[in-house]
Amino acid sequence: QVQLVESGGGLVQPGQSLRLSCAASRHIFRFNTMGWYRQAPGKQRELVAAITDGGRTNYPDSVKGRFAISRDSAKNMVYLQMNSLRPEDTAVYYCNLAPSPVTEYWGQGTQVSVSS
C-alpha cells in the first residue's frame, strides 16, 4: 500500500530552483503536521521544513529564506519550493509526518543534486 510518494527531484546548478511534490494518503495527510526531510550521503536524515494542518511553517536556519513548504488539502499534496540551491542541499528528499516521522511511511524519496 503506497502511502507517501515523492517526486520532482533532479540535477540543477547552484542558484537554481526545484519544486518537490509529495502525494499522501488521506489518512496520513489529514490533521497532521507534514514535513520534508533530507538525507545526504554519510549523514543523518534531517527535517528541513514542516507545515501544520493550519498552515504554520517552520524551517531550520540552513534553509530558512530559501525553502518554502506548502500543502493542498484538497489534493492531499505537500510541496517544497527550493530556491537558491547550494551544493550542500544535495540529498535524497522525503516527506513524512513531522516532527516525529513514522517508519512505515517512508517512501523512496527523490534525489536532488546541486552541482556545477
C-alpha atoms as a PDB file:
ATOM      1  CA  GLN A   1       0.000   0.000   0.000  1.00  0.00           C
ATOM      2  CA  VAL A   2       1.627   3.206  -1.216  1.00  0.00           C
ATOM      3  CA  GLN A   3       1.216   5.989   1.310  1.00  0.00           C
ATOM      4  CA  LEU A   4       3.793   8.702   0.515  1.00  0.00           C
ATOM      5  CA  VAL A   5       5.239   9.287  -2.940  1.00  0.00           C
ATOM      6  CA  GLU A   6       7.840  11.962  -3.559  1.00  0.00           C
ATOM      7  CA  SER A   7       8.729  13.428  -6.946  1.00  0.00           C
ATOM      8  CA  GLY A   8      10.314  16.431  -8.594  1.00  0.00           C
ATOM      9  CA  GLY A   9      13.986  15.961  -7.862  1.00  0.00           C
ATOM     10  CA  GLY A  10      16.744  16.373 -10.384  1.00  0.00           C
ATOM     11  CA  LEU A  11      20.146  17.772 -11.185  1.00  0.00           C
ATOM     12  CA  VAL A  12      20.453  21.539 -11.101  1.00  0.00           C
ATOM     13  CA  GLN A  13      23.208  24.122 -10.938  1.00  0.00           C
ATOM     14  CA  PRO A  14      23.875  26.227  -7.852  1.00  0.00           C
ATOM     15  CA  GLY A  15      21.433  29.084  -7.577  1.00  0.00           C
ATOM     16  CA  GLN A  16      18.662  27.327  -9.466  1.00  0.00           C
ATOM     17  CA  SER A  17      15.308  26.141  -8.143  1.00  0.00           C
ATOM     18  CA  LEU A  18      13.310  22.936  -7.829  1.00  0.00           C
ATOM     19  CA  ARG A  19       9.835  22.131  -6.630  1.00  0.00           C
ATOM     20  CA  LEU A  20       9.265  18.815  -4.919  1.00  0.00           C
ATOM     21  CA  SER A  21       5.890  17.161  -4.563  1.00  0.00           C
ATOM     22  CA  CYS A  22       4.619  14.575  -2.110  1.00  0.00           C
ATOM     23  CA  ALA A  23       1.386  12.679  -2.675  1.00  0.00           C
ATOM     24  CA  ALA A  24      -0.003  11.424   0.617  1.00  0.00           C
ATOM     25  CA  SER A  25      -2.737   9.026   1.508  1.00  0.00           C
ATOM     26  CA  ARG A  26      -5.599  10.943   3.078  1.00  0.00           C
ATOM     27  CA  HIS A  27      -5.388   9.165   6.412  1.00  0.00           C
ATOM     28  CA  ILE A  28      -1.779  10.350   6.718  1.00  0.00           C
ATOM     29  CA  PHE A  29      -2.288  13.858   5.455  1.00  0.00           C
ATOM     30  CA  ARG A  30      -5.428  14.872   7.259  1.00  0.00           C
ATOM     31  CA  PHE A  31      -4.947  16.804  10.541  1.00  0.00           C
ATOM     32  CA  ASN A  32      -1.234  16.010  10.648  1.00  0.00           C
ATOM     33  CA  THR A  33       1.817  18.221  10.541  1.00  0.00           C
ATOM     34  CA  MET A  34       3.754  17.204   7.461  1.00  0.00           C
ATOM     35  CA  GLY A  35       7.443  17.636   6.868  1.00  0.00           C
ATOM     36  CA  TRP A  36      10.171  17.358   4.301  1.00  0.00           C
ATOM     37  CA  TYR A  37      13.328  15.568   5.322  1.00  0.00           C
ATOM     38  CA  ARG A  38      16.605  15.027   3.558  1.00  0.00           C
ATOM     39  CA  GLN A  39      19.488  12.628   3.881  1.00  0.00           C
ATOM     40  CA  ALA A  40      22.853  13.284   2.352  1.00  0.00           C
ATOM     41  CA  PRO A  41      25.434  10.515   1.905  1.00  0.00           C
ATOM     42  CA  GLY A  42      27.044   9.652   5.215  1.00  0.00           C
ATOM     43  CA  LYS A  43      24.748  11.945   7.185  1.00  0.00           C
ATOM     44  CA  GLN A  44      21.675  11.504   9.323  1.00  0.00           C
ATOM     45  CA  ARG A  45      18.263  12.314   7.970  1.00  0.00           C
ATOM     46  CA  GLU A  46      17.215  15.838   8.933  1.00  0.00           C
ATOM     47  CA  LEU A  47      13.962  17.765   8.920  1.00  0.00           C
ATOM     48  CA  VAL A  48      14.168  20.763   6.574  1.00  0.00           C
ATOM     49  CA  ALA A  49      10.593  22.037   6.560  1.00  0.00           C
ATOM     50  CA  ALA A  50       7.322  21.424   8.367  1.00  0.00           C
ATOM     51  CA  ILE A  51       3.771  22.652   7.943  1.00  0.00           C
ATOM     52  CA  THR A  52       0.853  22.208  10.312  1.00  0.00           C
ATOM     53  CA  ASP A  53      -2.668  21.393   9.288  1.00  0.00           C
ATOM     54  CA  GLY A  54      -3.400  25.096   9.801  1.00  0.00           C
ATOM     55  CA  GLY A  55      -0.566  26.202   7.545  1.00  0.00           C
ATOM     56  CA  ARG A  56       2.060  27.282  10.048  1.00  0.00           C
ATOM     57  CA  THR A  57       5.550  26.581   8.798  1.00  0.00           C
ATOM     58  CA  ASN A  58       8.941  26.028  10.367  1.00  0.00           C
ATOM     59  CA  TYR A  59      12.443  25.744   8.941  1.00  0.00           C
ATOM     60  CA  PRO A  60      15.958  25.266  10.249  1.00  0.00           C
ATOM     61  CA  ASP A  61      18.374  28.124   9.698  1.00  0.00           C
ATOM     62  CA  SER A  62      20.160  26.204   6.956  1.00  0.00           C
ATOM     63  CA  VAL A  63      17.214  26.588   4.552  1.00  0.00           C
ATOM     64  CA  LYS A  64      15.257  29.496   6.006  1.00  0.00           C
ATOM     65  CA  GLY A  65      14.537  32.092   3.356  1.00  0.00           C
ATOM     66  CA  ARG A  66      15.336  29.671   0.536  1.00  0.00           C
ATOM     67  CA  PHE A  67      12.845  26.828   1.000  1.00  0.00           C
ATOM     68  CA  ALA A  68       9.072  27.094   1.268  1.00  0.00           C
ATOM     69  CA  ILE A  69       6.718  24.276   2.216  1.00  0.00           C
ATOM     70  CA  SER A  70       3.044  24.287   1.306  1.00  0.00           C
ATOM     71  CA  ARG A  71       0.136  21.889   1.298  1.00  0.00           C
ATOM     72  CA  ASP A  72      -3.010  21.371  -0.742  1.00  0.00           C
ATOM     73  CA  SER A  73      -5.653  19.748   1.433  1.00  0.00           C
ATOM     74  CA  ALA A  74      -7.969  19.104  -1.493  1.00  0.00           C
ATOM     75  CA  LYS A  75      -5.329  17.036  -3.232  1.00  0.00           C
ATOM     76  CA  ASN A  76      -3.539  15.589  -0.194  1.00  0.00           C
ATOM     77  CA  MET A  77      -0.301  17.041  -1.533  1.00  0.00           C
ATOM     78  CA  VAL A  78       2.693  18.621   0.140  1.00  0.00           C
ATOM     79  CA  TYR A  79       5.181  20.725  -1.796  1.00  0.00           C
ATOM     80  CA  LEU A  80       8.680  22.040  -1.204  1.00  0.00           C
ATOM     81  CA  GLN A  81       9.808  25.000  -3.248  1.00  0.00           C
ATOM     82  CA  MET A  82      13.588  25.193  -3.124  1.00  0.00           C
ATOM     83  CA  ASN A  83      15.303  28.337  -4.352  1.00  0.00           C
ATOM     84  CA  SER A  84      18.927  29.432  -4.441  1.00  0.00           C
ATOM     85  CA  LEU A  85      20.034  25.832  -4.213  1.00  0.00           C
ATOM     86  CA  ARG A  86      23.528  25.062  -2.979  1.00  0.00           C
ATOM     87  CA  PRO A  87      25.761  22.028  -3.374  1.00  0.00           C
ATOM     88  CA  GLU A  88      25.183  21.226   0.303  1.00  0.00           C
ATOM     89  CA  ASP A  89      21.470  20.792  -0.443  1.00  0.00           C
ATOM     90  CA  THR A  90      22.327  17.645  -2.384  1.00  0.00           C
ATOM     91  CA  ALA A  91      20.458  14.755  -0.760  1.00  0.00           C
ATOM     92  CA  VAL A  92      17.541  12.392  -1.090  1.00  0.00           C
ATOM     93  CA  TYR A  93      14.405  14.225  -0.014  1.00  0.00           C
ATOM     94  CA  TYR A  94      11.480  12.526   1.721  1.00  0.00           C
ATOM     95  CA  CYS A  95       8.173  13.569   3.171  1.00  0.00           C
ATOM     96  CA  ASN A  96       6.633  12.183   6.346  1.00  0.00           C
ATOM     97  CA  LEU A  97       4.881  13.320   9.475  1.00  0.00           C
ATOM     98  CA  ALA A  98       6.727  15.907  11.500  1.00  0.00           C
ATOM     99  CA  PRO A  99       8.414  16.241  13.871  1.00  0.00           C
ATOM    100  CA  SER A 100       8.031  12.506  14.569  1.00  0.00           C
ATOM    101  CA  PRO A 101       8.142  10.570  11.319  1.00  0.00           C
ATOM    102  CA  VAL A 102       6.538   7.159  11.102  1.00  0.00           C
ATOM    103  CA  THR A 103       8.939   4.473   9.985  1.00  0.00           C
ATOM    104  CA  GLU A 104       6.342   2.630   7.962  1.00  0.00           C
ATOM    105  CA  TYR A 105       5.553   5.760   5.950  1.00  0.00           C
ATOM    106  CA  TRP A 106       8.990   6.369   4.446  1.00  0.00           C
ATOM    107  CA  GLY A 107       8.813   6.338   0.686  1.00  0.00           C
ATOM    108  CA  GLN A 108      11.538   6.041  -1.925  1.00  0.00           C
ATOM    109  CA  GLY A 109      12.384   9.710  -1.788  1.00  0.00           C
ATOM    110  CA  THR A 110      13.506  11.912  -4.633  1.00  0.00           C
ATOM    111  CA  GLN A 111      17.128  12.734  -5.412  1.00  0.00           C
ATOM    112  CA  VAL A 112      18.213  16.356  -5.531  1.00  0.00           C
ATOM    113  CA  SER A 113      21.681  17.039  -6.853  1.00  0.00           C
ATOM    114  CA  VAL A 114      23.170  20.516  -6.992  1.00  0.00           C
ATOM    115  CA  SER A 115      26.356  20.784  -8.949  1.00  0.00           C
ATOM    116  CA  SER A 116      28.030  22.978 -11.496  1.00  0.00           C
END
